[in-house]
Protein backbone atom coordinates (compact mmCIF):
# COMPACT_ATOMS: atom_id res chain seq x y z
CA MET A 1 105.52 43.32 -4.77
CA SER A 2 103.16 44.56 -2.06
CA ASP A 3 99.45 44.96 -2.61
CA ASP A 4 99.59 48.77 -2.44
CA THR A 5 101.90 48.96 -5.47
CA ALA A 6 100.36 46.23 -7.59
CA GLN A 7 99.01 47.13 -11.03
CA PRO A 8 95.21 47.15 -11.31
CA ALA A 9 93.99 44.07 -13.15
CA ASP A 10 92.62 46.14 -16.02
CA GLU A 11 96.06 47.70 -16.61
CA LEU A 12 98.09 44.49 -16.66
CA GLU A 13 99.89 43.68 -19.89
CA VAL A 14 98.67 40.52 -21.61
CA ARG A 15 101.16 38.89 -23.95
CA ASP A 16 100.91 36.03 -26.43
CA PRO A 17 103.30 33.03 -26.33
CA GLU A 18 105.85 34.98 -28.40
CA GLY A 19 105.87 37.90 -25.99
CA HIS A 20 103.81 40.36 -28.03
CA ASP A 21 101.59 42.70 -26.04
CA VAL A 22 97.98 41.93 -26.97
CA THR A 23 96.35 44.09 -24.32
CA GLY A 24 93.38 45.99 -25.65
CA VAL A 25 93.43 44.63 -29.21
CA ASP A 26 91.41 47.06 -31.33
CA GLU A 27 88.60 45.11 -33.01
CA SER A 28 86.77 48.15 -34.39
CA LYS A 29 86.20 48.44 -38.12
CA SER A 30 88.73 50.45 -40.13
CA ALA A 31 87.15 52.04 -43.20
CA PRO A 32 86.74 55.48 -44.82
CA ALA A 33 83.55 57.29 -43.85
CA ASP A 34 82.33 57.23 -47.46
CA ARG A 35 82.97 53.53 -48.07
CA GLU A 36 79.33 52.71 -48.86
CA THR A 37 79.19 55.34 -51.62
CA SER A 38 82.82 55.41 -52.84
CA GLY A 39 83.98 51.85 -52.19
CA PRO A 40 85.30 49.33 -51.95
CA PHE A 41 81.78 48.00 -52.17
CA ASP A 42 79.80 45.08 -50.86
CA ALA A 43 77.96 43.13 -53.54
CA SER A 44 74.66 44.42 -52.13
CA GLU A 45 75.69 48.03 -52.80
CA VAL A 46 76.22 48.04 -56.58
CA PRO A 47 73.83 47.68 -59.55
CA SER A 48 73.85 44.16 -60.93
CA MET A 49 74.10 45.41 -64.52
CA ARG A 50 77.39 47.26 -64.06
CA PRO A 51 80.23 45.45 -65.89
CA TYR A 52 82.95 43.81 -63.80
CA VAL A 53 85.61 41.16 -64.22
CA ASP A 54 84.10 38.45 -62.00
CA LEU A 55 86.73 36.66 -59.92
CA GLY A 56 84.31 35.12 -57.44
CA GLY A 57 84.98 36.74 -54.06
CA ILE A 58 86.24 39.92 -55.76
CA LYS A 59 84.95 41.81 -58.77
CA VAL A 60 87.27 44.24 -60.56
CA ALA A 61 85.97 47.24 -62.49
CA PRO A 62 87.61 47.31 -65.93
CA ARG A 63 89.61 50.34 -67.05
CA GLU A 64 92.09 51.10 -69.78
CA GLY A 65 95.67 50.14 -69.00
CA LEU A 66 94.81 47.87 -66.08
CA GLN A 67 96.68 44.56 -66.30
CA MET A 68 95.49 41.62 -64.18
CA ARG A 69 97.18 38.40 -63.11
CA LEU A 70 95.81 35.63 -60.91
CA GLU A 71 98.06 34.09 -58.27
CA VAL A 72 97.57 30.31 -58.07
CA GLU A 73 98.80 28.14 -55.19
CA GLU A 74 100.94 25.48 -56.82
CA ARG A 75 100.04 22.60 -54.53
CA THR A 76 96.26 23.02 -54.50
CA LYS A 77 95.85 24.90 -57.83
CA ARG A 78 93.65 27.32 -55.87
CA VAL A 79 93.48 30.99 -56.89
CA VAL A 80 94.62 32.86 -53.77
CA ALA A 81 95.08 36.48 -54.90
CA VAL A 82 94.67 38.87 -57.79
CA THR A 83 97.59 41.06 -58.84
CA LEU A 84 96.95 44.27 -60.76
CA GLU A 85 99.47 46.42 -62.61
CA TYR A 86 98.51 50.05 -63.01
CA ALA A 87 100.18 53.50 -62.84
CA GLU A 88 103.67 51.95 -62.67
CA SER A 89 102.55 50.09 -59.55
CA VAL A 90 101.75 46.51 -58.59
CA LEU A 91 98.76 45.92 -56.31
CA GLN A 92 98.00 42.48 -54.89
CA VAL A 93 94.51 42.09 -53.45
CA GLN A 94 92.83 39.49 -51.23
CA ALA A 95 89.45 39.42 -49.48
CA PHE A 96 88.81 37.71 -46.14
CA SER A 97 85.73 36.84 -44.13
CA ALA A 98 85.17 38.87 -40.96
CA PRO A 99 82.70 39.11 -38.07
CA LYS A 100 79.59 41.18 -38.63
CA SER A 101 80.17 43.70 -35.84
CA SER A 102 83.97 43.91 -35.63
CA GLY A 103 86.89 44.41 -37.99
CA LEU A 104 90.16 42.64 -38.77
CA TRP A 105 92.53 45.28 -40.10
CA ASN A 106 93.69 46.82 -36.82
CA ARG A 107 94.77 43.41 -35.51
CA VAL A 108 96.13 42.10 -38.82
CA ARG A 109 98.15 45.29 -39.33
CA ASP A 110 99.90 44.78 -35.99
CA GLU A 111 100.64 41.15 -36.87
CA ILE A 112 102.18 42.10 -40.22
CA ALA A 113 104.21 44.87 -38.57
CA ALA A 114 105.61 42.46 -35.98
CA GLN A 115 106.50 39.93 -38.68
CA PHE A 116 108.39 42.46 -40.81
CA ALA A 117 110.14 44.01 -37.80
CA SER A 118 111.39 40.57 -36.74
CA GLN A 119 112.96 40.23 -40.20
CA GLY A 120 114.90 43.48 -39.84
CA ALA A 121 112.55 45.69 -41.88
CA ARG A 122 111.78 49.31 -41.08
CA VAL A 123 108.10 49.55 -40.18
CA GLN A 124 105.95 52.65 -39.90
CA ILE A 125 102.22 53.31 -39.50
CA GLU A 126 100.94 56.16 -41.69
CA ASN A 127 97.53 57.78 -42.08
CA GLY A 128 96.44 57.12 -45.65
CA LEU A 129 93.41 57.92 -47.77
CA LEU A 130 91.62 54.80 -46.51
CA GLY A 131 92.83 54.95 -42.92
CA PRO A 132 95.91 53.53 -41.18
CA GLU A 133 98.47 52.06 -43.58
CA LEU A 134 101.58 50.01 -42.88
CA MET A 135 104.73 51.09 -44.71
CA THR A 136 107.62 48.63 -44.68
CA GLU A 137 111.14 48.85 -46.07
CA SER A 138 112.99 45.55 -46.18
CA PRO A 139 116.74 45.31 -46.76
CA VAL A 140 117.71 43.84 -50.13
CA PRO A 141 120.77 41.52 -50.16
CA ALA A 142 123.88 42.95 -51.81
CA GLU A 143 123.86 40.20 -54.45
CA GLN A 144 120.41 41.46 -55.48
CA GLY A 145 121.48 45.07 -55.76
CA GLY A 146 121.31 46.20 -52.14
CA GLY A 147 119.18 49.04 -50.81
CA THR A 148 115.65 48.54 -49.54
CA ARG A 149 112.37 47.26 -50.98
CA PRO A 150 109.34 49.39 -50.03
CA VAL A 151 105.98 47.66 -49.62
CA ARG A 152 102.77 49.32 -48.41
CA PHE A 153 99.84 47.47 -46.80
CA PHE A 154 96.33 48.85 -46.43
CA ALA A 155 92.84 47.41 -45.96
CA VAL A 156 89.18 48.24 -45.52
CA ASP A 157 86.76 46.47 -43.20
CA GLY A 158 83.35 46.06 -44.83
CA PRO A 159 80.21 44.15 -43.86
CA ARG A 160 81.50 40.69 -42.86
CA TRP A 161 84.69 41.05 -44.93
CA MET A 162 88.08 42.73 -45.13
CA LEU A 163 89.67 43.70 -48.44
CA ARG A 164 93.46 44.00 -48.19
CA GLY A 165 95.89 45.51 -50.66
CA VAL A 166 99.67 45.09 -50.86
CA LEU A 167 101.20 47.87 -52.94
CA MET A 168 104.63 47.73 -54.58
CA GLY A 169 106.40 49.73 -57.24
CA ARG A 170 105.95 53.46 -57.68
CA GLY A 171 102.68 53.59 -55.76
CA ALA A 172 104.38 52.44 -52.55
CA VAL A 173 106.41 55.66 -52.34
CA ASP A 174 104.78 58.19 -54.71
CA ALA A 175 101.53 59.83 -53.56
CA ASP A 176 100.18 60.55 -57.06
CA ALA A 177 100.70 56.98 -58.28
CA ARG A 178 99.27 55.64 -55.03
CA GLU A 179 96.11 57.74 -55.42
CA LYS A 180 95.56 56.36 -58.94
CA THR A 181 96.02 52.81 -57.70
CA LEU A 182 93.62 53.39 -54.81
CA GLU A 183 90.97 54.43 -57.33
CA VAL A 184 91.18 50.90 -58.74
CA PHE A 185 91.00 49.43 -55.22
CA ARG A 186 87.95 51.51 -54.30
CA GLU A 187 86.06 50.40 -57.40
CA MET A 188 86.30 46.75 -56.37
CA VAL A 189 83.31 44.76 -55.14
CA VAL A 190 83.54 42.06 -52.47
CA VAL A 191 81.17 39.10 -52.76
CA ARG A 192 81.06 37.67 -49.26
CA GLY A 193 78.15 35.27 -49.78
CA ASP A 194 75.79 33.97 -47.13
CA GLN A 195 77.68 30.82 -46.14
CA PRO A 196 79.14 30.72 -42.61
CA MET A 197 82.92 31.18 -42.57
CA PRO A 198 85.41 31.58 -39.72
CA PRO A 199 87.03 35.04 -39.42
CA SER A 200 90.13 35.64 -41.56
CA GLU A 201 89.32 32.88 -44.04
CA LEU A 202 90.23 33.75 -47.63
CA LEU A 203 87.19 34.33 -49.82
CA PRO A 204 87.32 31.93 -52.77
CA LEU A 205 88.52 33.35 -56.08
CA LYS A 206 88.04 31.89 -59.53
CA VAL A 207 89.34 32.26 -63.06
CA PRO A 208 86.91 34.39 -65.11
CA ALA A 209 84.81 32.60 -67.69
CA GLY A 210 86.65 32.21 -70.98
CA VAL A 211 90.10 32.78 -69.47
CA GLY A 212 92.64 30.02 -69.02
CA GLN A 213 94.01 29.43 -65.53
CA GLY A 214 97.26 31.29 -64.91
CA ALA A 215 96.55 33.69 -67.75
CA THR A 216 97.47 37.35 -67.70
CA GLY A 217 95.34 39.91 -69.44
CA GLU A 218 94.17 43.48 -69.63
CA ALA A 219 91.12 44.04 -67.43
CA THR A 220 89.22 46.21 -69.88
CA GLN A 221 86.05 44.18 -70.29
CA ALA A 222 83.75 42.11 -68.14
């Protein structure tokens, strides 16, 4: 190619080893404009006396009908996620460390989309109540009933953290159920802590005091 037709350096595509275009990765924070007042909250933004179910890196506001289950990694016995059942929906939540001045969700969303697309799922970006959401529909094998399994991903970038939700059940496809589930998500508090952590590291979770590991219960009291 001659010099007069060459692409300018700032317009060249940059691809990772798997061939994905990573030109101009968006590292801006993705969060609703009212995050500081309507959540999800940083630990510095809520009164210390308000009751929560304390899971370490995440605190969950109790409410009637909210069922909670902790996901424990079998090999390490480490709590890696909290799963909530509410409004005929299942919401799995994790919190991750993030840089102070940039966000994770825009990049992570693209990575999840590429992973699902490579597995034959239908992938679509939608504008949700919290910002860009990733809607996936994965084919279900015929021996498991066939059809598709809808799963919705969303997240909020806060101060030095990202809180991510994975929504299944009715809330993944029904707007009313999703709005009720997002109320639970927005009431959560992220406890990032002051310790240095690399970006994207999972914030440690713990079993609440007085609850046996692996237990399931109704999150109605702190």
